[in-house]
C-alpha atoms as a PDB file:
ATOM      1  CA  UNK A   1      -0.134   0.234   0.171  1.00  0.00           C
ATOM      2  CA  UNK A   2       1.472   3.450  -0.897  1.00  0.00           C
ATOM      3  CA  UNK A   3       1.543   6.522   0.929  1.00  0.00           C
ATOM      4  CA  UNK A   4      -0.803   9.345   0.010  1.00  0.00           C
ATOM      5  CA  UNK A   5       1.470  12.632  -0.215  1.00  0.00           C
ATOM      6  CA  UNK A   6       1.739  15.000   0.914  1.00  0.00           C
ATOM      7  CA  UNK A   7       0.134  14.377   4.012  1.00  0.00           C
ATOM      8  CA  UNK A   8      -3.254  16.054   4.851  1.00  0.00           C
ATOM      9  CA  UNK A   9      -2.286  17.778   7.811  1.00  0.00           C
ATOM     10  CA  UNK A  10       0.744  19.634   5.748  1.00  0.00           C
ATOM     11  CA  UNK A  11      -2.086  21.024   3.216  1.00  0.00           C
ATOM     12  CA  UNK A  12      -4.556  21.871   6.206  1.00  0.00           C
ATOM     13  CA  UNK A  13      -1.188  23.856   7.733  1.00  0.00           C
ATOM     14  CA  UNK A  14      -1.303  26.019   4.330  1.00  0.00           C
ATOM     15  CA  UNK A  15      -5.111  26.388   3.662  1.00  0.00           C
ATOM     16  CA  UNK A  16      -8.228  27.113   6.279  1.00  0.00           C
ATOM     17  CA  UNK A  17     -10.487  23.835   5.065  1.00  0.00           C
ATOM     18  CA  UNK A  18     -10.372  20.973   3.234  1.00  0.00           C
ATOM     19  CA  UNK A  19     -12.365  22.696   0.436  1.00  0.00           C
ATOM     20  CA  UNK A  20      -9.892  25.393  -0.198  1.00  0.00           C
ATOM     21  CA  UNK A  21      -7.244  22.557  -0.581  1.00  0.00           C
ATOM     22  CA  UNK A  22      -9.012  20.736  -2.965  1.00  0.00           C
ATOM     23  CA  UNK A  23     -10.580  24.220  -5.012  1.00  0.00           C
ATOM     24  CA  UNK A  24      -6.614  25.535  -5.269  1.00  0.00           C
ATOM     25  CA  UNK A  25      -4.997  22.350  -5.882  1.00  0.00           C
ATOM     26  CA  UNK A  26      -7.464  21.591  -8.474  1.00  0.00           C
ATOM     27  CA  UNK A  27      -7.148  24.820 -10.069  1.00  0.00           C
ATOM     28  CA  UNK A  28      -3.629  24.734  -9.827  1.00  0.00           C
ATOM     29  CA  UNK A  29      -2.992  21.149 -11.588  1.00  0.00           C
ATOM     30  CA  UNK A  30      -5.640  22.689 -14.529  1.00  0.00           C
ATOM     31  CA  UNK A  31      -2.525  25.454 -14.774  1.00  0.00           C
ATOM     32  CA  UNK A  32       0.005  22.849 -14.837  1.00  0.00           C
ATOM     33  CA  UNK A  33      -1.686  20.848 -17.712  1.00  0.00           C
ATOM     34  CA  UNK A  34      -1.902  23.828 -19.946  1.00  0.00           C
ATOM     35  CA  UNK A  35       1.673  24.766 -19.200  1.00  0.00           C
ATOM     36  CA  UNK A  36       2.815  21.323 -20.128  1.00  0.00           C
ATOM     37  CA  UNK A  37      -0.084  21.333 -23.524  1.00  0.00           C
ATOM     38  CA  UNK A  38       1.459  24.893 -24.488  1.00  0.00           C
ATOM     39  CA  UNK A  39       5.186  23.488 -24.399  1.00  0.00           C
ATOM     40  CA  UNK A  40       3.937  20.787 -27.295  1.00  0.00           C
ATOM     41  CA  UNK A  41       2.806  23.613 -29.187  1.00  0.00           C
ATOM     42  CA  UNK A  42       5.715  25.868 -29.060  1.00  0.00           C
ATOM     43  CA  UNK A  43       4.083  28.393 -26.537  1.00  0.00           C
ATOM     44  CA  UNK A  44       6.432  29.930 -24.112  1.00  0.00           C
ATOM     45  CA  UNK A  45       5.645  32.277 -21.003  1.00  0.00           C
ATOM     46  CA  UNK A  46       1.853  32.022 -21.124  1.00  0.00           C
ATOM     47  CA  UNK A  47       1.901  29.637 -17.977  1.00  0.00           C
ATOM     48  CA  UNK A  48       3.765  29.221 -14.752  1.00  0.00           C
ATOM     49  CA  UNK A  49       5.741  25.977 -14.448  1.00  0.00           C
ATOM     50  CA  UNK A  50       5.816  23.376 -11.594  1.00  0.00           C
ATOM     51  CA  UNK A  51       7.225  25.269  -8.708  1.00  0.00           C
ATOM     52  CA  UNK A  52       8.355  22.183  -6.819  1.00  0.00           C
ATOM     53  CA  UNK A  53      10.960  19.381  -7.782  1.00  0.00           C
ATOM     54  CA  UNK A  54       8.720  16.255  -7.353  1.00  0.00           C
ATOM     55  CA  UNK A  55       9.396  12.092  -8.319  1.00  0.00           C
ATOM     56  CA  UNK A  56       5.328  12.336  -9.026  1.00  0.00           C
ATOM     57  CA  UNK A  57       5.886  12.438 -13.311  1.00  0.00           C
ATOM     58  CA  UNK A  58       3.224  13.738 -14.881  1.00  0.00           C
ATOM     59  CA  UNK A  59       0.618  13.739 -12.365  1.00  0.00           C
ATOM     60  CA  UNK A  60      -0.278  17.390 -11.916  1.00  0.00           C
ATOM     61  CA  UNK A  61      -2.781  17.044  -9.174  1.00  0.00           C
ATOM     62  CA  UNK A  62       0.222  15.267  -6.797  1.00  0.00           C
ATOM     63  CA  UNK A  63       2.360  18.032  -8.088  1.00  0.00           C
ATOM     64  CA  UNK A  64      -0.342  21.038  -7.325  1.00  0.00           C
ATOM     65  CA  UNK A  65      -0.489  19.241  -3.817  1.00  0.00           C
ATOM     66  CA  UNK A  66       2.742  19.470  -3.366  1.00  0.00           C
ATOM     67  CA  UNK A  67       2.948  23.159  -4.254  1.00  0.00           C
ATOM     68  CA  UNK A  68       0.061  23.696  -1.778  1.00  0.00           C
ATOM     69  CA  UNK A  69       2.233  21.911   1.061  1.00  0.00           C
ATOM     70  CA  UNK A  70       5.403  23.762   0.382  1.00  0.00           C
ATOM     71  CA  UNK A  71       3.599  26.968   0.729  1.00  0.00           C
ATOM     72  CA  UNK A  72       4.232  27.909  -2.935  1.00  0.00           C
ATOM     73  CA  UNK A  73       0.630  29.036  -3.377  1.00  0.00           C
ATOM     74  CA  UNK A  74      -1.121  31.872  -2.229  1.00  0.00           C
ATOM     75  CA  UNK A  75      -5.129  32.252  -2.318  1.00  0.00           C
ATOM     76  CA  UNK A  76      -7.589  34.924  -1.056  1.00  0.00           C
ATOM     77  CA  UNK A  77     -11.580  34.612  -1.405  1.00  0.00           C
ATOM     78  CA  UNK A  78     -13.504  37.052  -3.521  1.00  0.00           C
ATOM     79  CA  UNK A  79     -15.304  38.878  -1.465  1.00  0.00           C
END
């Protein structure tokens, strides 16, 4: 059995709820996906590349969760 990384408690240290962690990570995973697709199309500079070194390969959600846990992503609620 494999462990889920990063651990949920590390995510909750950086976000104020499970909901926020999921929403922020999902949005960032879509941005990472767009970044890699833009590279294959020859467009550079439009999207931010992954901000952490990871062994997860092409699992964009895991990369985004690791970015949240590392404190690389800041978010705020719209009011």
